mmCIF file of all heavy atoms, coordinates in Angstrom:
data_MODEL
# 
_entry.id   MODEL 
# 
loop_
_atom_site.group_PDB 
_atom_site.id 
_atom_site.type_symbol 
_atom_site.label_atom_id 
_atom_site.label_alt_id 
_atom_site.label_comp_id 
_atom_site.label_asym_id 
_atom_site.label_entity_id 
_atom_site.label_seq_id 
_atom_site.pdbx_PDB_ins_code 
_atom_site.Cartn_x 
_atom_site.Cartn_y 
_atom_site.Cartn_z 
_atom_site.occupancy 
_atom_site.B_iso_or_equiv 
_atom_site.pdbx_formal_charge 
_atom_site.auth_seq_id 
_atom_site.auth_comp_id 
_atom_site.auth_asym_id 
_atom_site.auth_atom_id 
_atom_site.pdbx_PDB_model_num 
ATOM 1   N N   . ASP A 1 1  ? 11.640  2.633   2.751  1.00 0.00 ? 1  ASP A N   1 
ATOM 2   C CA  . ASP A 1 1  ? 10.762  3.517   3.613  1.00 0.00 ? 1  ASP A CA  1 
ATOM 3   C C   . ASP A 1 1  ? 9.696   4.235   2.722  1.00 0.00 ? 1  ASP A C   1 
ATOM 4   O O   . ASP A 1 1  ? 8.527   4.319   3.167  1.00 0.00 ? 1  ASP A O   1 
ATOM 5   C CB  . ASP A 1 1  ? 11.629  4.543   4.333  1.00 0.00 ? 1  ASP A CB  1 
ATOM 6   C CG  . ASP A 1 1  ? 12.694  3.936   5.178  1.00 0.00 ? 1  ASP A CG  1 
ATOM 7   O OD1 . ASP A 1 1  ? 12.479  2.879   5.767  1.00 0.00 ? 1  ASP A OD1 1 
ATOM 8   O OD2 . ASP A 1 1  ? 13.856  4.328   5.157  1.00 0.00 ? 1  ASP A OD2 1 
ATOM 9   N N   . VAL A 1 2  ? 10.096  4.716   1.539  1.00 0.00 ? 2  VAL A N   1 
ATOM 10  C CA  . VAL A 1 2  ? 9.147   5.303   0.631  1.00 0.00 ? 2  VAL A CA  1 
ATOM 11  C C   . VAL A 1 2  ? 8.092   4.339   0.209  1.00 0.00 ? 2  VAL A C   1 
ATOM 12  O O   . VAL A 1 2  ? 6.904   4.626   0.175  1.00 0.00 ? 2  VAL A O   1 
ATOM 13  C CB  . VAL A 1 2  ? 9.863   5.965   -0.555 1.00 0.00 ? 2  VAL A CB  1 
ATOM 14  C CG1 . VAL A 1 2  ? 8.904   6.457   -1.530 1.00 0.00 ? 2  VAL A CG1 1 
ATOM 15  C CG2 . VAL A 1 2  ? 10.825  6.999   -0.176 1.00 0.00 ? 2  VAL A CG2 1 
ATOM 16  N N   . LEU A 1 3  ? 8.556   3.134   -0.140 1.00 0.00 ? 3  LEU A N   1 
ATOM 17  C CA  . LEU A 1 3  ? 7.487   2.070   -0.485 1.00 0.00 ? 3  LEU A CA  1 
ATOM 18  C C   . LEU A 1 3  ? 6.672   1.779   0.591  1.00 0.00 ? 3  LEU A C   1 
ATOM 19  O O   . LEU A 1 3  ? 5.357   1.632   0.341  1.00 0.00 ? 3  LEU A O   1 
ATOM 20  C CB  . LEU A 1 3  ? 8.405   0.747   -0.882 1.00 0.00 ? 3  LEU A CB  1 
ATOM 21  C CG  . LEU A 1 3  ? 7.494   -0.446  -1.089 1.00 0.00 ? 3  LEU A CG  1 
ATOM 22  C CD1 . LEU A 1 3  ? 6.680   -0.341  -2.330 1.00 0.00 ? 3  LEU A CD1 1 
ATOM 23  C CD2 . LEU A 1 3  ? 8.387   -1.780  -1.259 1.00 0.00 ? 3  LEU A CD2 1 
ATOM 24  N N   . ALA A 1 4  ? 7.108   1.711   1.919  1.00 0.00 ? 4  ALA A N   1 
ATOM 25  C CA  . ALA A 1 4  ? 6.226   1.381   2.903  1.00 0.00 ? 4  ALA A CA  1 
ATOM 26  C C   . ALA A 1 4  ? 5.182   2.555   3.125  1.00 0.00 ? 4  ALA A C   1 
ATOM 27  O O   . ALA A 1 4  ? 4.037   2.267   3.497  1.00 0.00 ? 4  ALA A O   1 
ATOM 28  C CB  . ALA A 1 4  ? 7.019   1.211   4.232  1.00 0.00 ? 4  ALA A CB  1 
ATOM 29  N N   . GLY A 1 5  ? 5.575   3.769   2.967  1.00 0.00 ? 5  GLY A N   1 
ATOM 30  C CA  . GLY A 1 5  ? 4.678   4.861   2.992  1.00 0.00 ? 5  GLY A CA  1 
ATOM 31  C C   . GLY A 1 5  ? 3.560   4.794   1.994  1.00 0.00 ? 5  GLY A C   1 
ATOM 32  O O   . GLY A 1 5  ? 2.417   5.034   2.323  1.00 0.00 ? 5  GLY A O   1 
ATOM 33  N N   . ILE A 1 6  ? 3.982   4.399   0.779  1.00 0.00 ? 6  ILE A N   1 
ATOM 34  C CA  . ILE A 1 6  ? 2.908   4.363   -0.219 1.00 0.00 ? 6  ILE A CA  1 
ATOM 35  C C   . ILE A 1 6  ? 1.916   3.202   0.019  1.00 0.00 ? 6  ILE A C   1 
ATOM 36  O O   . ILE A 1 6  ? 0.757   3.391   -0.089 1.00 0.00 ? 6  ILE A O   1 
ATOM 37  C CB  . ILE A 1 6  ? 3.498   4.107   -1.687 1.00 0.00 ? 6  ILE A CB  1 
ATOM 38  C CG1 . ILE A 1 6  ? 4.476   5.281   -2.063 1.00 0.00 ? 6  ILE A CG1 1 
ATOM 39  C CG2 . ILE A 1 6  ? 2.556   3.909   -2.703 1.00 0.00 ? 6  ILE A CG2 1 
ATOM 40  C CD1 . ILE A 1 6  ? 5.379   5.089   -3.248 1.00 0.00 ? 6  ILE A CD1 1 
ATOM 41  N N   . ALA A 1 7  ? 2.457   2.121   0.485  1.00 0.00 ? 7  ALA A N   1 
ATOM 42  C CA  . ALA A 1 7  ? 1.665   0.925   0.816  1.00 0.00 ? 7  ALA A CA  1 
ATOM 43  C C   . ALA A 1 7  ? 0.749   1.342   1.969  1.00 0.00 ? 7  ALA A C   1 
ATOM 44  O O   . ALA A 1 7  ? -0.469  0.943   2.036  1.00 0.00 ? 7  ALA A O   1 
ATOM 45  C CB  . ALA A 1 7  ? 2.474   -0.273  1.080  1.00 0.00 ? 7  ALA A CB  1 
ATOM 46  N N   . GLY A 1 8  ? 1.179   1.943   2.960  1.00 0.00 ? 8  GLY A N   1 
ATOM 47  C CA  . GLY A 1 8  ? 0.432   2.323   4.133  1.00 0.00 ? 8  GLY A CA  1 
ATOM 48  C C   . GLY A 1 8  ? -0.734  3.200   3.699  1.00 0.00 ? 8  GLY A C   1 
ATOM 49  O O   . GLY A 1 8  ? -1.880  2.984   4.179  1.00 0.00 ? 8  GLY A O   1 
ATOM 50  N N   . ALA A 1 9  ? -0.510  4.200   2.832  1.00 0.00 ? 9  ALA A N   1 
ATOM 51  C CA  . ALA A 1 9  ? -1.447  5.118   2.460  1.00 0.00 ? 9  ALA A CA  1 
ATOM 52  C C   . ALA A 1 9  ? -2.563  4.287   1.622  1.00 0.00 ? 9  ALA A C   1 
ATOM 53  O O   . ALA A 1 9  ? -3.787  4.635   1.899  1.00 0.00 ? 9  ALA A O   1 
ATOM 54  C CB  . ALA A 1 9  ? -1.002  6.264   1.514  1.00 0.00 ? 9  ALA A CB  1 
ATOM 55  N N   . LEU A 1 10 ? -2.236  3.385   0.904  1.00 0.00 ? 10 LEU A N   1 
ATOM 56  C CA  . LEU A 1 10 ? -3.113  2.602   0.124  1.00 0.00 ? 10 LEU A CA  1 
ATOM 57  C C   . LEU A 1 10 ? -3.992  1.712   1.069  1.00 0.00 ? 10 LEU A C   1 
ATOM 58  O O   . LEU A 1 10 ? -5.281  1.592   0.797  1.00 0.00 ? 10 LEU A O   1 
ATOM 59  C CB  . LEU A 1 10 ? -2.383  1.689   -0.886 1.00 0.00 ? 10 LEU A CB  1 
ATOM 60  C CG  . LEU A 1 10 ? -1.801  2.475   -2.118 1.00 0.00 ? 10 LEU A CG  1 
ATOM 61  C CD1 . LEU A 1 10 ? -0.803  1.588   -2.879 1.00 0.00 ? 10 LEU A CD1 1 
ATOM 62  C CD2 . LEU A 1 10 ? -2.861  2.935   -3.032 1.00 0.00 ? 10 LEU A CD2 1 
ATOM 63  N N   . MET A 1 11 ? -3.389  1.218   2.150  1.00 0.00 ? 11 MET A N   1 
ATOM 64  C CA  . MET A 1 11 ? -4.242  0.456   3.026  1.00 0.00 ? 11 MET A CA  1 
ATOM 65  C C   . MET A 1 11 ? -5.141  1.343   3.782  1.00 0.00 ? 11 MET A C   1 
ATOM 66  O O   . MET A 1 11 ? -6.299  0.932   4.215  1.00 0.00 ? 11 MET A O   1 
ATOM 67  C CB  . MET A 1 11 ? -3.372  -0.445  3.929  1.00 0.00 ? 11 MET A CB  1 
ATOM 68  C CG  . MET A 1 11 ? -2.694  -1.392  3.121  1.00 0.00 ? 11 MET A CG  1 
ATOM 69  S SD  . MET A 1 11 ? -1.803  -2.606  4.175  1.00 0.00 ? 11 MET A SD  1 
ATOM 70  C CE  . MET A 1 11 ? -3.100  -3.564  4.948  1.00 0.00 ? 11 MET A CE  1 
ATOM 71  N N   . ALA A 1 12 ? -4.694  2.609   4.046  1.00 0.00 ? 12 ALA A N   1 
ATOM 72  C CA  . ALA A 1 12 ? -5.694  3.527   4.689  1.00 0.00 ? 12 ALA A CA  1 
ATOM 73  C C   . ALA A 1 12 ? -6.868  3.748   3.824  1.00 0.00 ? 12 ALA A C   1 
ATOM 74  O O   . ALA A 1 12 ? -7.968  4.190   4.247  1.00 0.00 ? 12 ALA A O   1 
ATOM 75  C CB  . ALA A 1 12 ? -4.955  4.843   5.107  1.00 0.00 ? 12 ALA A CB  1 
ATOM 76  N N   . ALA A 1 13 ? -6.616  3.765   2.468  1.00 0.00 ? 13 ALA A N   1 
ATOM 77  C CA  . ALA A 1 13 ? -7.751  3.886   1.578  1.00 0.00 ? 13 ALA A CA  1 
ATOM 78  C C   . ALA A 1 13 ? -8.477  2.630   1.272  1.00 0.00 ? 13 ALA A C   1 
ATOM 79  O O   . ALA A 1 13 ? -9.327  2.637   0.338  1.00 0.00 ? 13 ALA A O   1 
ATOM 80  C CB  . ALA A 1 13 ? -7.128  4.477   0.188  1.00 0.00 ? 13 ALA A CB  1 
ATOM 81  N N   . ASP A 1 14 ? -8.321  1.647   2.038  1.00 0.00 ? 14 ASP A N   1 
ATOM 82  C CA  . ASP A 1 14 ? -9.051  0.366   2.064  1.00 0.00 ? 14 ASP A CA  1 
ATOM 83  C C   . ASP A 1 14 ? -8.680  -0.669  1.029  1.00 0.00 ? 14 ASP A C   1 
ATOM 84  O O   . ASP A 1 14 ? -9.473  -1.549  0.773  1.00 0.00 ? 14 ASP A O   1 
ATOM 85  C CB  . ASP A 1 14 ? -10.552 0.739   1.967  1.00 0.00 ? 14 ASP A CB  1 
ATOM 86  C CG  . ASP A 1 14 ? -11.361 -0.438  2.557  1.00 0.00 ? 14 ASP A CG  1 
ATOM 87  O OD1 . ASP A 1 14 ? -10.989 -1.140  3.577  1.00 0.00 ? 14 ASP A OD1 1 
ATOM 88  O OD2 . ASP A 1 14 ? -12.499 -0.724  2.107  1.00 0.00 ? 14 ASP A OD2 1 
ATOM 89  N N   . LEU A 1 15 ? -7.490  -0.584  0.441  1.00 0.00 ? 15 LEU A N   1 
ATOM 90  C CA  . LEU A 1 15 ? -7.037  -1.690  -0.380 1.00 0.00 ? 15 LEU A CA  1 
ATOM 91  C C   . LEU A 1 15 ? -6.629  -2.877  0.504  1.00 0.00 ? 15 LEU A C   1 
ATOM 92  O O   . LEU A 1 15 ? -6.215  -2.598  1.590  1.00 0.00 ? 15 LEU A O   1 
ATOM 93  C CB  . LEU A 1 15 ? -5.870  -1.216  -1.239 1.00 0.00 ? 15 LEU A CB  1 
ATOM 94  C CG  . LEU A 1 15 ? -6.257  -0.765  -2.711 1.00 0.00 ? 15 LEU A CG  1 
ATOM 95  C CD1 . LEU A 1 15 ? -6.916  0.586   -2.521 1.00 0.00 ? 15 LEU A CD1 1 
ATOM 96  C CD2 . LEU A 1 15 ? -4.967  -0.606  -3.520 1.00 0.00 ? 15 LEU A CD2 1 
ATOM 97  N N   . SER A 1 16 ? -6.763  -4.077  0.031  1.00 0.00 ? 16 SER A N   1 
ATOM 98  C CA  . SER A 1 16 ? -6.278  -5.225  0.665  1.00 0.00 ? 16 SER A CA  1 
ATOM 99  C C   . SER A 1 16 ? -4.735  -5.207  0.829  1.00 0.00 ? 16 SER A C   1 
ATOM 100 O O   . SER A 1 16 ? -4.122  -4.397  0.031  1.00 0.00 ? 16 SER A O   1 
ATOM 101 C CB  . SER A 1 16 ? -6.690  -6.483  0.073  1.00 0.00 ? 16 SER A CB  1 
ATOM 102 O OG  . SER A 1 16 ? -6.022  -6.649  -1.160 1.00 0.00 ? 16 SER A OG  1 
ATOM 103 N N   . ALA A 1 17 ? -4.182  -5.959  1.654  1.00 0.00 ? 17 ALA A N   1 
ATOM 104 C CA  . ALA A 1 17 ? -2.699  -6.157  1.755  1.00 0.00 ? 17 ALA A CA  1 
ATOM 105 C C   . ALA A 1 17 ? -2.041  -6.510  0.509  1.00 0.00 ? 17 ALA A C   1 
ATOM 106 O O   . ALA A 1 17 ? -0.985  -6.067  0.103  1.00 0.00 ? 17 ALA A O   1 
ATOM 107 C CB  . ALA A 1 17 ? -2.362  -7.075  2.869  1.00 0.00 ? 17 ALA A CB  1 
ATOM 108 N N   . LEU A 1 18 ? -2.632  -7.548  -0.139 1.00 0.00 ? 18 LEU A N   1 
ATOM 109 C CA  . LEU A 1 18 ? -2.095  -7.966  -1.458 1.00 0.00 ? 18 LEU A CA  1 
ATOM 110 C C   . LEU A 1 18 ? -2.118  -6.974  -2.529 1.00 0.00 ? 18 LEU A C   1 
ATOM 111 O O   . LEU A 1 18 ? -1.087  -6.629  -3.202 1.00 0.00 ? 18 LEU A O   1 
ATOM 112 C CB  . LEU A 1 18 ? -2.793  -9.251  -1.888 1.00 0.00 ? 18 LEU A CB  1 
ATOM 113 C CG  . LEU A 1 18 ? -2.225  -9.871  -3.234 1.00 0.00 ? 18 LEU A CG  1 
ATOM 114 C CD1 . LEU A 1 18 ? -0.910  -10.620 -2.957 1.00 0.00 ? 18 LEU A CD1 1 
ATOM 115 C CD2 . LEU A 1 18 ? -3.277  -10.850 -3.878 1.00 0.00 ? 18 LEU A CD2 1 
ATOM 116 N N   . ASP A 1 19 ? -3.328  -6.332  -2.588 1.00 0.00 ? 19 ASP A N   1 
ATOM 117 C CA  . ASP A 1 19 ? -3.422  -5.226  -3.703 1.00 0.00 ? 19 ASP A CA  1 
ATOM 118 C C   . ASP A 1 19 ? -2.536  -3.989  -3.332 1.00 0.00 ? 19 ASP A C   1 
ATOM 119 O O   . ASP A 1 19 ? -1.900  -3.435  -4.215 1.00 0.00 ? 19 ASP A O   1 
ATOM 120 C CB  . ASP A 1 19 ? -4.875  -4.758  -3.801 1.00 0.00 ? 19 ASP A CB  1 
ATOM 121 C CG  . ASP A 1 19 ? -5.726  -5.784  -4.556 1.00 0.00 ? 19 ASP A CG  1 
ATOM 122 O OD1 . ASP A 1 19 ? -5.175  -6.701  -5.162 1.00 0.00 ? 19 ASP A OD1 1 
ATOM 123 O OD2 . ASP A 1 19 ? -6.937  -5.622  -4.438 1.00 0.00 ? 19 ASP A OD2 1 
ATOM 124 N N   . ALA A 1 20 ? -2.554  -3.638  -2.021 1.00 0.00 ? 20 ALA A N   1 
ATOM 125 C CA  . ALA A 1 20 ? -1.846  -2.468  -1.619 1.00 0.00 ? 20 ALA A CA  1 
ATOM 126 C C   . ALA A 1 20 ? -0.249  -2.793  -1.950 1.00 0.00 ? 20 ALA A C   1 
ATOM 127 O O   . ALA A 1 20 ? 0.507   -1.883  -2.408 1.00 0.00 ? 20 ALA A O   1 
ATOM 128 C CB  . ALA A 1 20 ? -1.976  -2.129  -0.167 1.00 0.00 ? 20 ALA A CB  1 
ATOM 129 N N   . GLY A 1 21 ? 0.212   -3.973  -1.556 1.00 0.00 ? 21 GLY A N   1 
ATOM 130 C CA  . GLY A 1 21 ? 1.556   -4.303  -1.856 1.00 0.00 ? 21 GLY A CA  1 
ATOM 131 C C   . GLY A 1 21 ? 1.960   -4.238  -3.241 1.00 0.00 ? 21 GLY A C   1 
ATOM 132 O O   . GLY A 1 21 ? 2.991   -3.580  -3.601 1.00 0.00 ? 21 GLY A O   1 
ATOM 133 N N   . GLU A 1 22 ? 1.102   -4.734  -4.144 1.00 0.00 ? 22 GLU A N   1 
ATOM 134 C CA  . GLU A 1 22 ? 1.467   -4.809  -5.528 1.00 0.00 ? 22 GLU A CA  1 
ATOM 135 C C   . GLU A 1 22 ? 1.345   -3.466  -6.216 1.00 0.00 ? 22 GLU A C   1 
ATOM 136 O O   . GLU A 1 22 ? 2.142   -3.026  -7.021 1.00 0.00 ? 22 GLU A O   1 
ATOM 137 C CB  . GLU A 1 22 ? 0.659   -5.792  -6.345 1.00 0.00 ? 22 GLU A CB  1 
ATOM 138 C CG  . GLU A 1 22 ? 0.918   -5.991  -7.710 1.00 0.00 ? 22 GLU A CG  1 
ATOM 139 C CD  . GLU A 1 22 ? 0.268   -7.068  -8.508 1.00 0.00 ? 22 GLU A CD  1 
ATOM 140 O OE1 . GLU A 1 22 ? -0.715  -7.644  -8.025 1.00 0.00 ? 22 GLU A OE1 1 
ATOM 141 O OE2 . GLU A 1 22 ? 0.732   -7.430  -9.636 1.00 0.00 ? 22 GLU A OE2 1 
ATOM 142 N N   . VAL A 1 23 ? 0.333   -2.707  -5.881 1.00 0.00 ? 23 VAL A N   1 
ATOM 143 C CA  . VAL A 1 23 ? 0.105   -1.330  -6.445 1.00 0.00 ? 23 VAL A CA  1 
ATOM 144 C C   . VAL A 1 23 ? 1.230   -0.436  -5.929 1.00 0.00 ? 23 VAL A C   1 
ATOM 145 O O   . VAL A 1 23 ? 1.806   0.211   -6.769 1.00 0.00 ? 23 VAL A O   1 
ATOM 146 C CB  . VAL A 1 23 ? -1.250  -0.812  -6.079 1.00 0.00 ? 23 VAL A CB  1 
ATOM 147 C CG1 . VAL A 1 23 ? -1.253  0.568   -6.440 1.00 0.00 ? 23 VAL A CG1 1 
ATOM 148 C CG2 . VAL A 1 23 ? -2.373  -1.713  -6.674 1.00 0.00 ? 23 VAL A CG2 1 
ATOM 149 N N   . ALA A 1 24 ? 1.615   -0.532  -4.740 1.00 0.00 ? 24 ALA A N   1 
ATOM 150 C CA  . ALA A 1 24 ? 2.728   0.284   -4.071 1.00 0.00 ? 24 ALA A CA  1 
ATOM 151 C C   . ALA A 1 24 ? 4.018   -0.103  -4.867 1.00 0.00 ? 24 ALA A C   1 
ATOM 152 O O   . ALA A 1 24 ? 4.815   0.845   -5.202 1.00 0.00 ? 24 ALA A O   1 
ATOM 153 C CB  . ALA A 1 24 ? 2.787   0.057   -2.665 1.00 0.00 ? 24 ALA A CB  1 
ATOM 154 N N   . ALA A 1 25 ? 4.379   -1.377  -5.005 1.00 0.00 ? 25 ALA A N   1 
ATOM 155 C CA  . ALA A 1 25 ? 5.513   -1.809  -5.686 1.00 0.00 ? 25 ALA A CA  1 
ATOM 156 C C   . ALA A 1 25 ? 5.635   -1.273  -7.108 1.00 0.00 ? 25 ALA A C   1 
ATOM 157 O O   . ALA A 1 25 ? 6.591   -0.910  -7.592 1.00 0.00 ? 25 ALA A O   1 
ATOM 158 C CB  . ALA A 1 25 ? 5.752   -3.289  -5.562 1.00 0.00 ? 25 ALA A CB  1 
# 
């Protein structure tokens, strides 16, 4: 759940899904 929250915030900041997923992980 924490990981999903970080990834979601990154996508709101306009990162792509691939970048948001890797950066969040």
